[in-house]
Amino acid sequence: MNINKNDTAIVVIDPQNDVLSETGVSWDLVGESVKDNKTVENIERVFKAAKQNGFEVFISPHYYYPTDYGWKIAGTLEQMMLEVKEFDRRGPLTLDGFLGSGAD
């Protein structure tokens, strides 16, 4: 396999406090797996390797905004995420309350 930084990038989805921190609202569901698989440490290793080798890194966070609570239909997982306010933000155009939150 030929991995070339001209056409390859690293994409990390949802590296947020709600799933990666012991204080996150989903820690009871995912914490054991995060620890067992050394997820945080491995994300850090990937970031460092990408930087050392000149690969682009893109972060794709997941957020829920106040408008999302008006959904008429939500799947089981989405409903749970809304109930526990996982990745909750006050709005798409504000950082109020974001720093250090579960969505951060």
C-alpha atoms as a PDB file:
ATOM      1  CA  MET A   1       0.000   0.000   0.000  1.00  0.00           C
ATOM      2  CA  ASN A   2       1.329   3.424  -0.914  1.00  0.00           C
ATOM      3  CA  ILE A   3       0.174   6.144   1.461  1.00  0.00           C
ATOM      4  CA  ASN A   4       0.860   9.573   0.034  1.00  0.00           C
ATOM      5  CA  LYS A   5       0.314  12.817   1.952  1.00  0.00           C
ATOM      6  CA  ASN A   6      -0.776  14.489  -1.294  1.00  0.00           C
ATOM      7  CA  ASP A   7      -3.989  12.443  -1.392  1.00  0.00           C
ATOM      8  CA  THR A   8      -4.337  11.076   2.140  1.00  0.00           C
ATOM      9  CA  ALA A   9      -5.497  12.742   5.356  1.00  0.00           C
ATOM     10  CA  ILE A  10      -6.433  11.757   8.898  1.00  0.00           C
ATOM     11  CA  VAL A  11     -10.092  12.243   9.885  1.00  0.00           C
ATOM     12  CA  VAL A  12     -11.009  11.956  13.556  1.00  0.00           C
ATOM     13  CA  ILE A  13     -14.716  11.841  14.388  1.00  0.00           C
ATOM     14  CA  ASP A  14     -16.142  12.994  17.745  1.00  0.00           C
ATOM     15  CA  PRO A  15     -12.987  13.342  19.874  1.00  0.00           C
ATOM     16  CA  GLN A  16     -14.992  15.174  22.516  1.00  0.00           C
ATOM     17  CA  ASN A  17     -15.146  15.277  26.301  1.00  0.00           C
ATOM     18  CA  ASP A  18     -18.548  13.571  26.476  1.00  0.00           C
ATOM     19  CA  VAL A  19     -16.975  10.310  25.239  1.00  0.00           C
ATOM     20  CA  LEU A  20     -13.264  10.694  26.051  1.00  0.00           C
ATOM     21  CA  SER A  21     -13.380  12.119  29.581  1.00  0.00           C
ATOM     22  CA  GLU A  22     -14.394  10.524  32.865  1.00  0.00           C
ATOM     23  CA  THR A  23     -16.620  13.572  33.412  1.00  0.00           C
ATOM     24  CA  GLY A  24     -18.410  13.085  30.063  1.00  0.00           C
ATOM     25  CA  VAL A  25     -22.104  12.196  30.028  1.00  0.00           C
ATOM     26  CA  SER A  26     -21.445   8.999  28.045  1.00  0.00           C
ATOM     27  CA  TRP A  27     -18.486   7.776  30.093  1.00  0.00           C
ATOM     28  CA  ASP A  28     -20.569   5.089  31.807  1.00  0.00           C
ATOM     29  CA  LEU A  29     -21.356   3.631  28.376  1.00  0.00           C
ATOM     30  CA  VAL A  30     -17.972   3.952  26.676  1.00  0.00           C
ATOM     31  CA  GLY A  31     -15.384   4.619  29.392  1.00  0.00           C
ATOM     32  CA  GLU A  32     -14.257   1.043  29.882  1.00  0.00           C
ATOM     33  CA  SER A  33     -13.670   0.662  26.150  1.00  0.00           C
ATOM     34  CA  VAL A  34     -11.892   4.028  25.947  1.00  0.00           C
ATOM     35  CA  LYS A  35      -9.522   2.947  28.731  1.00  0.00           C
ATOM     36  CA  ASP A  36      -9.043  -0.654  27.545  1.00  0.00           C
ATOM     37  CA  ASN A  37      -8.239   0.456  23.999  1.00  0.00           C
ATOM     38  CA  LYS A  38      -6.151   3.437  25.137  1.00  0.00           C
ATOM     39  CA  THR A  39      -8.236   5.599  22.822  1.00  0.00           C
ATOM     40  CA  VAL A  40      -7.003   8.968  24.086  1.00  0.00           C
ATOM     41  CA  GLU A  41      -3.371   7.879  23.997  1.00  0.00           C
ATOM     42  CA  ASN A  42      -3.789   6.425  20.510  1.00  0.00           C
ATOM     43  CA  ILE A  43      -5.467   9.576  19.188  1.00  0.00           C
ATOM     44  CA  GLU A  44      -2.502  11.523  20.535  1.00  0.00           C
ATOM     45  CA  ARG A  45      -0.090   9.119  18.803  1.00  0.00           C
ATOM     46  CA  VAL A  46      -1.943   9.522  15.496  1.00  0.00           C
ATOM     47  CA  PHE A  47      -1.883  13.342  15.807  1.00  0.00           C
ATOM     48  CA  LYS A  48       1.866  13.349  16.542  1.00  0.00           C
ATOM     49  CA  ALA A  49       2.637  10.942  13.684  1.00  0.00           C
ATOM     50  CA  ALA A  50       0.555  13.021  11.278  1.00  0.00           C
ATOM     51  CA  LYS A  51       2.365  16.191  12.282  1.00  0.00           C
ATOM     52  CA  GLN A  52       5.812  14.581  12.038  1.00  0.00           C
ATOM     53  CA  ASN A  53       5.013  13.253   8.570  1.00  0.00           C
ATOM     54  CA  GLY A  54       3.180  16.263   7.160  1.00  0.00           C
ATOM     55  CA  PHE A  55      -0.308  14.733   6.921  1.00  0.00           C
ATOM     56  CA  GLU A  56      -3.375  16.939   7.208  1.00  0.00           C
ATOM     57  CA  VAL A  57      -5.681  16.222  10.164  1.00  0.00           C
ATOM     58  CA  PHE A  58      -9.382  16.994  10.072  1.00  0.00           C
ATOM     59  CA  ILE A  59     -11.633  16.857  13.124  1.00  0.00           C
ATOM     60  CA  SER A  60     -15.311  16.119  12.602  1.00  0.00           C
ATOM     61  CA  PRO A  61     -17.134  16.929  15.833  1.00  0.00           C
ATOM     62  CA  HIS A  62     -20.755  16.061  16.487  1.00  0.00           C
ATOM     63  CA  TYR A  63     -22.974  18.698  18.084  1.00  0.00           C
ATOM     64  CA  TYR A  64     -26.572  18.992  19.204  1.00  0.00           C
ATOM     65  CA  TYR A  65     -28.165  22.437  19.210  1.00  0.00           C
ATOM     66  CA  PRO A  66     -31.421  23.613  20.830  1.00  0.00           C
ATOM     67  CA  THR A  67     -33.248  23.186  17.502  1.00  0.00           C
ATOM     68  CA  ASP A  68     -32.423  19.461  17.522  1.00  0.00           C
ATOM     69  CA  TYR A  69     -34.665  18.938  20.543  1.00  0.00           C
ATOM     70  CA  GLY A  70     -37.670  19.538  18.298  1.00  0.00           C
ATOM     71  CA  TRP A  71     -37.064  16.460  16.156  1.00  0.00           C
ATOM     72  CA  LYS A  72     -40.276  14.542  15.417  1.00  0.00           C
ATOM     73  CA  ILE A  73     -38.413  11.291  14.733  1.00  0.00           C
ATOM     74  CA  ALA A  74     -35.139  10.179  16.297  1.00  0.00           C
ATOM     75  CA  GLY A  75     -33.486   6.805  16.394  1.00  0.00           C
ATOM     76  CA  THR A  76     -32.786   5.074  19.698  1.00  0.00           C
ATOM     77  CA  LEU A  77     -29.190   6.288  19.867  1.00  0.00           C
ATOM     78  CA  GLU A  78     -30.069   9.837  18.855  1.00  0.00           C
ATOM     79  CA  GLN A  79     -32.840   9.940  21.456  1.00  0.00           C
ATOM     80  CA  MET A  80     -30.422   8.791  24.182  1.00  0.00           C
ATOM     81  CA  MET A  81     -27.857  11.384  23.094  1.00  0.00           C
ATOM     82  CA  LEU A  82     -30.482  14.126  23.270  1.00  0.00           C
ATOM     83  CA  GLU A  83     -31.716  12.949  26.674  1.00  0.00           C
ATOM     84  CA  VAL A  84     -28.249  13.056  28.258  1.00  0.00           C
ATOM     85  CA  LYS A  85     -27.349  16.247  26.343  1.00  0.00           C
ATOM     86  CA  GLU A  86     -24.320  14.623  24.717  1.00  0.00           C
ATOM     87  CA  PHE A  87     -22.343  17.061  22.536  1.00  0.00           C
ATOM     88  CA  ASP A  88     -24.795  19.791  23.601  1.00  0.00           C
ATOM     89  CA  ARG A  89     -24.122  23.360  22.455  1.00  0.00           C
ATOM     90  CA  ARG A  90     -26.106  26.556  22.923  1.00  0.00           C
ATOM     91  CA  GLY A  91     -26.066  27.318  19.202  1.00  0.00           C
ATOM     92  CA  PRO A  92     -24.052  26.979  16.009  1.00  0.00           C
ATOM     93  CA  LEU A  93     -22.919  30.612  16.057  1.00  0.00           C
ATOM     94  CA  THR A  94     -21.831  30.932  19.681  1.00  0.00           C
ATOM     95  CA  LEU A  95     -19.034  29.549  21.827  1.00  0.00           C
ATOM     96  CA  ASP A  96     -20.827  30.505  25.065  1.00  0.00           C
ATOM     97  CA  GLY A  97     -20.368  27.646  27.511  1.00  0.00           C
ATOM     98  CA  PHE A  98     -18.356  25.611  24.997  1.00  0.00           C
ATOM     99  CA  LEU A  99     -14.851  25.650  26.507  1.00  0.00           C
ATOM    100  CA  GLY A 100     -14.437  22.569  28.709  1.00  0.00           C
ATOM    101  CA  SER A 101     -17.992  21.368  28.019  1.00  0.00           C
ATOM    102  CA  GLY A 102     -18.867  17.868  26.895  1.00  0.00           C
ATOM    103  CA  ALA A 103     -19.013  19.102  23.304  1.00  0.00           C
ATOM    104  CA  ASP A 104     -15.456  20.509  23.552  1.00  0.00           C
END
